[in-house]
Amino acid sequence: MTEPQHTSPEPKRRAGRPKDMAKRDAMMDAAACLFFRYGLEGVTMEAVAREAGVSKVTVYGHFVTKEALFGSVIRRETETIRRGLDKLPDTHEGVRQSLIDVGMSLVHFLLEPHVLAVERVMNTQGEQHPELLQAFFEAGPWATKQWLQERLEGLAQTGHLTLGVPTLAANHLCSMWQGMLVTEVRMGVRHLPSDEELHHQVSSAVDVFLAAYGNT
């Protein structure tokens, strides 16, 4: 009599394995590098695949279109900008030095390569992708202004400043901190400033701001 054969049960198939996040990050890193160098129109999905070391099928498995990939890159970079604001110093004793410290940190941050790269791309692609331009401004310039306005309002509440219109005061200080210096770097007509040049720009702006808004 032949004994019955016992076979082990067939392993169950996994329902929907999560996509390989390491590969996804590599593709987004590659895409960011290419988009920031050549713009949206100058990049193909094949080029992203080559740069990331994956197949074109893999790229399309994560991102259905080039525009979807571009949107993911911009959203990731704007989130980086948002997190960068959290690293700026809070105000402390000594209003003038406090504002200089904040200004130095803010302008250093605005001149970081990834921030400049996102701005350059959005300058050329914002009209075609208004929703991404909106996301960029909400994470970057508008969040910066709101952050600064709240710090200035705190100084006003302690009697150090008389602001009048807080939004206007924040605009004045942020604009003076950057001046033509940041604009020239963004446009590529000057190199990154030295710390000495940056300190002169920022401290001069603070002195003008305190002459207008400070309570001496």
Protein backbone atom coordinates (compact mmCIF):
# COMPACT_ATOMS: atom_id res chain seq x y z
CA MET A 1 0.00 0.00 0.00
CA THR A 2 1.43 3.30 -1.00
CA GLU A 3 1.63 5.84 1.78
CA PRO A 4 -0.01 9.18 1.11
CA GLN A 5 2.39 11.92 0.11
CA HIS A 6 2.27 15.03 2.32
CA THR A 7 2.98 18.23 0.49
CA SER A 8 3.61 21.47 2.28
CA PRO A 9 0.96 24.11 1.64
CA GLU A 10 1.71 26.53 -1.12
CA PRO A 11 2.96 29.83 0.31
CA LYS A 12 0.43 32.60 0.16
CA ARG A 13 1.19 35.43 -2.24
CA ARG A 14 1.80 38.77 -0.65
CA ALA A 15 -0.85 41.25 -1.49
CA GLY A 16 0.83 44.32 -2.86
CA ARG A 17 4.43 44.51 -1.69
CA PRO A 18 5.48 48.06 -0.78
CA LYS A 19 7.60 49.69 -3.41
CA ASP A 20 11.36 49.78 -2.80
CA MET A 21 11.79 53.14 -1.05
CA ALA A 22 15.57 53.12 -1.50
CA LYS A 23 15.09 52.92 -5.26
CA ARG A 24 12.43 55.61 -5.11
CA ASP A 25 14.80 57.92 -3.22
CA ALA A 26 17.56 57.20 -5.73
CA MET A 27 15.23 58.06 -8.62
CA MET A 28 14.14 61.28 -6.98
CA ASP A 29 17.75 62.25 -6.25
CA ALA A 30 18.66 61.58 -9.87
CA ALA A 31 15.61 63.46 -11.14
CA ALA A 32 16.34 66.46 -8.90
CA CYS A 33 19.90 66.61 -10.21
CA LEU A 34 18.73 66.48 -13.83
CA PHE A 35 15.71 68.78 -13.47
CA PHE A 36 17.76 71.44 -11.68
CA ARG A 37 20.44 71.24 -14.36
CA TYR A 38 18.34 70.98 -17.54
CA GLY A 39 14.77 71.96 -16.58
CA LEU A 40 11.66 69.86 -17.03
CA GLU A 41 11.67 69.89 -20.83
CA GLY A 42 15.32 68.87 -21.08
CA VAL A 43 14.96 65.64 -19.07
CA THR A 44 13.58 62.25 -20.13
CA MET A 45 12.47 59.33 -17.99
CA GLU A 46 15.19 57.27 -19.68
CA ALA A 47 17.82 59.76 -18.48
CA VAL A 48 16.46 59.54 -14.93
CA ALA A 49 16.63 55.73 -15.08
CA ARG A 50 20.26 55.84 -16.24
CA GLU A 51 21.24 58.37 -13.60
CA ALA A 52 19.56 56.34 -10.84
CA GLY A 53 20.89 52.98 -12.06
CA VAL A 54 17.45 51.44 -12.52
CA SER A 55 15.32 50.37 -15.45
CA LYS A 56 12.85 52.65 -17.22
CA VAL A 57 10.12 50.22 -16.18
CA THR A 58 11.05 50.79 -12.54
CA VAL A 59 10.80 54.55 -12.95
CA TYR A 60 7.36 54.27 -14.54
CA GLY A 61 6.33 51.84 -11.79
CA HIS A 62 6.78 54.63 -9.25
CA PHE A 63 5.91 57.68 -11.35
CA VAL A 64 3.35 57.40 -14.13
CA THR A 65 4.57 60.49 -16.00
CA LYS A 66 7.54 62.82 -16.04
CA GLU A 67 5.29 65.56 -14.68
CA ALA A 68 4.35 63.34 -11.72
CA LEU A 69 8.04 62.74 -11.01
CA PHE A 70 8.77 66.47 -11.27
CA GLY A 71 5.93 67.21 -8.86
CA SER A 72 7.28 64.71 -6.33
CA VAL A 73 10.74 66.26 -6.55
CA ILE A 74 9.43 69.79 -6.02
CA ARG A 75 7.24 68.72 -3.10
CA ARG A 76 10.19 66.97 -1.47
CA GLU A 77 12.42 70.02 -1.91
CA THR A 78 9.81 72.42 -0.57
CA GLU A 79 9.44 70.18 2.48
CA THR A 80 13.21 70.48 2.95
CA ILE A 81 12.83 74.25 2.81
CA ARG A 82 10.06 74.11 5.39
CA ARG A 83 12.20 72.02 7.75
CA GLY A 84 15.07 74.44 7.23
CA LEU A 85 13.02 77.26 8.72
CA ASP A 86 12.73 75.31 11.96
CA LYS A 87 16.53 75.43 12.33
CA LEU A 88 16.65 79.21 12.38
CA PRO A 89 17.54 80.62 15.82
CA ASP A 90 14.84 82.05 18.00
CA THR A 91 15.14 85.56 19.39
CA HIS A 92 17.05 86.05 22.64
CA GLU A 93 18.31 88.85 24.87
CA GLY A 94 19.87 91.73 22.95
CA VAL A 95 17.49 92.75 20.18
CA ARG A 96 20.12 93.97 17.70
CA GLN A 97 22.32 90.88 18.00
CA SER A 98 19.24 88.65 17.95
CA LEU A 99 18.06 90.12 14.65
CA ILE A 100 21.56 89.87 13.19
CA ASP A 101 21.77 86.19 14.16
CA VAL A 102 18.37 85.45 12.62
CA GLY A 103 19.24 87.41 9.47
CA MET A 104 22.57 85.64 9.02
CA SER A 105 20.94 82.22 9.42
CA LEU A 106 18.07 83.08 7.09
CA VAL A 107 20.24 84.46 4.28
CA HIS A 108 22.69 81.55 4.61
CA PHE A 109 19.70 79.23 4.25
CA LEU A 110 18.32 81.09 1.22
CA LEU A 111 21.71 80.76 -0.48
CA GLU A 112 21.96 76.99 0.00
CA PRO A 113 22.33 75.20 -3.37
CA HIS A 114 19.09 73.19 -3.13
CA VAL A 115 17.06 76.30 -2.30
CA LEU A 116 18.58 78.23 -5.21
CA ALA A 117 18.03 75.25 -7.51
CA VAL A 118 14.33 74.97 -6.65
CA GLU A 119 13.88 78.71 -7.23
CA ARG A 120 15.55 78.54 -10.63
CA VAL A 121 13.34 75.67 -11.76
CA MET A 122 10.17 77.30 -10.45
CA ASN A 123 11.06 80.51 -12.29
CA THR A 124 10.96 78.62 -15.58
CA GLN A 125 8.26 76.03 -14.84
CA GLY A 126 5.86 77.88 -12.54
CA GLU A 127 3.56 79.08 -15.31
CA GLN A 128 3.06 75.51 -16.59
CA HIS A 129 2.66 74.11 -13.05
CA PRO A 130 0.86 76.71 -10.93
CA GLU A 131 -0.05 74.20 -8.22
CA LEU A 132 3.65 73.44 -7.64
CA LEU A 133 4.47 77.14 -7.62
CA GLN A 134 1.81 77.62 -4.96
CA ALA A 135 3.27 74.78 -2.88
CA PHE A 136 6.75 76.26 -3.22
CA PHE A 137 5.66 79.70 -2.02
CA GLU A 138 3.70 78.25 0.88
CA ALA A 139 6.72 76.24 2.02
CA GLY A 140 9.35 78.86 1.23
CA PRO A 141 8.83 82.64 0.93
CA TRP A 142 5.41 82.87 2.60
CA ALA A 143 6.41 80.56 5.46
CA THR A 144 9.58 82.60 5.94
CA LYS A 145 7.66 85.86 6.14
CA GLN A 146 5.11 84.40 8.57
CA TRP A 147 7.90 82.97 10.75
CA LEU A 148 9.68 86.33 10.86
CA GLN A 149 6.48 88.27 11.51
CA GLU A 150 5.73 86.12 14.55
CA ARG A 151 9.24 86.74 15.94
CA LEU A 152 8.91 90.49 15.44
CA GLU A 153 5.48 90.51 17.09
CA GLY A 154 7.06 88.78 20.08
CA LEU A 155 9.63 91.59 20.35
CA ALA A 156 6.86 94.17 20.05
CA GLN A 157 4.91 92.53 22.88
CA THR A 158 7.96 92.86 25.15
CA GLY A 159 8.28 96.55 24.30
CA HIS A 160 11.40 96.36 22.12
CA LEU A 161 9.69 97.33 18.84
CA THR A 162 6.78 99.42 17.61
CA LEU A 163 5.66 97.68 14.45
CA GLY A 164 2.53 99.44 13.23
CA VAL A 165 1.68 96.87 10.55
CA PRO A 166 3.60 93.66 11.44
CA THR A 167 3.40 92.21 7.91
CA LEU A 168 4.92 95.37 6.42
CA ALA A 169 7.68 95.43 9.04
CA ALA A 170 8.55 91.78 8.30
CA ASN A 171 8.64 92.58 4.57
CA HIS A 172 10.98 95.52 5.17
CA LEU A 173 13.43 93.56 7.30
CA CYS A 174 13.45 90.44 5.12
CA SER A 175 13.98 92.52 1.98
CA MET A 176 16.81 94.54 3.54
CA TRP A 177 18.53 91.40 4.83
CA GLN A 178 18.70 90.04 1.29
CA GLY A 179 19.16 93.24 -0.69
CA MET A 180 20.78 93.06 -4.11
CA LEU A 181 23.27 90.55 -2.75
CA VAL A 182 20.88 87.59 -2.80
CA THR A 183 19.36 88.68 -6.11
CA GLU A 184 22.80 88.81 -7.74
CA VAL A 185 23.69 85.33 -6.47
CA ARG A 186 20.35 83.97 -7.70
CA MET A 187 20.93 85.49 -11.14
CA GLY A 188 24.48 84.10 -11.27
CA VAL A 189 26.29 87.44 -11.60
CA ARG A 190 28.22 87.09 -8.34
CA HIS A 191 29.70 84.32 -6.23
CA LEU A 192 28.46 83.39 -2.78
CA PRO A 193 29.41 86.17 -0.35
CA SER A 194 31.95 85.73 2.41
CA ASP A 195 30.72 85.70 6.00
CA GLU A 196 32.19 89.19 6.40
CA GLU A 197 30.22 90.51 3.40
CA LEU A 198 27.08 88.80 4.59
CA HIS A 199 27.46 90.16 8.12
CA HIS A 200 27.88 93.70 6.77
CA GLN A 201 24.72 93.31 4.67
CA VAL A 202 22.64 91.90 7.52
CA SER A 203 23.89 94.16 10.34
CA SER A 204 23.38 97.29 8.22
CA ALA A 205 19.82 96.18 7.50
CA VAL A 206 19.16 95.61 11.22
CA ASP A 207 20.46 99.08 12.09
CA VAL A 208 18.16 100.71 9.52
CA PHE A 209 15.23 98.57 10.74
CA LEU A 210 15.81 99.50 14.39
CA ALA A 211 16.07 103.19 13.49
CA ALA A 212 12.57 102.90 12.04
CA TYR A 213 10.89 100.43 14.39
CA GLY A 214 13.02 100.24 17.55
CA ASN A 215 12.16 101.68 20.95
CA THR A 216 15.33 103.31 22.27
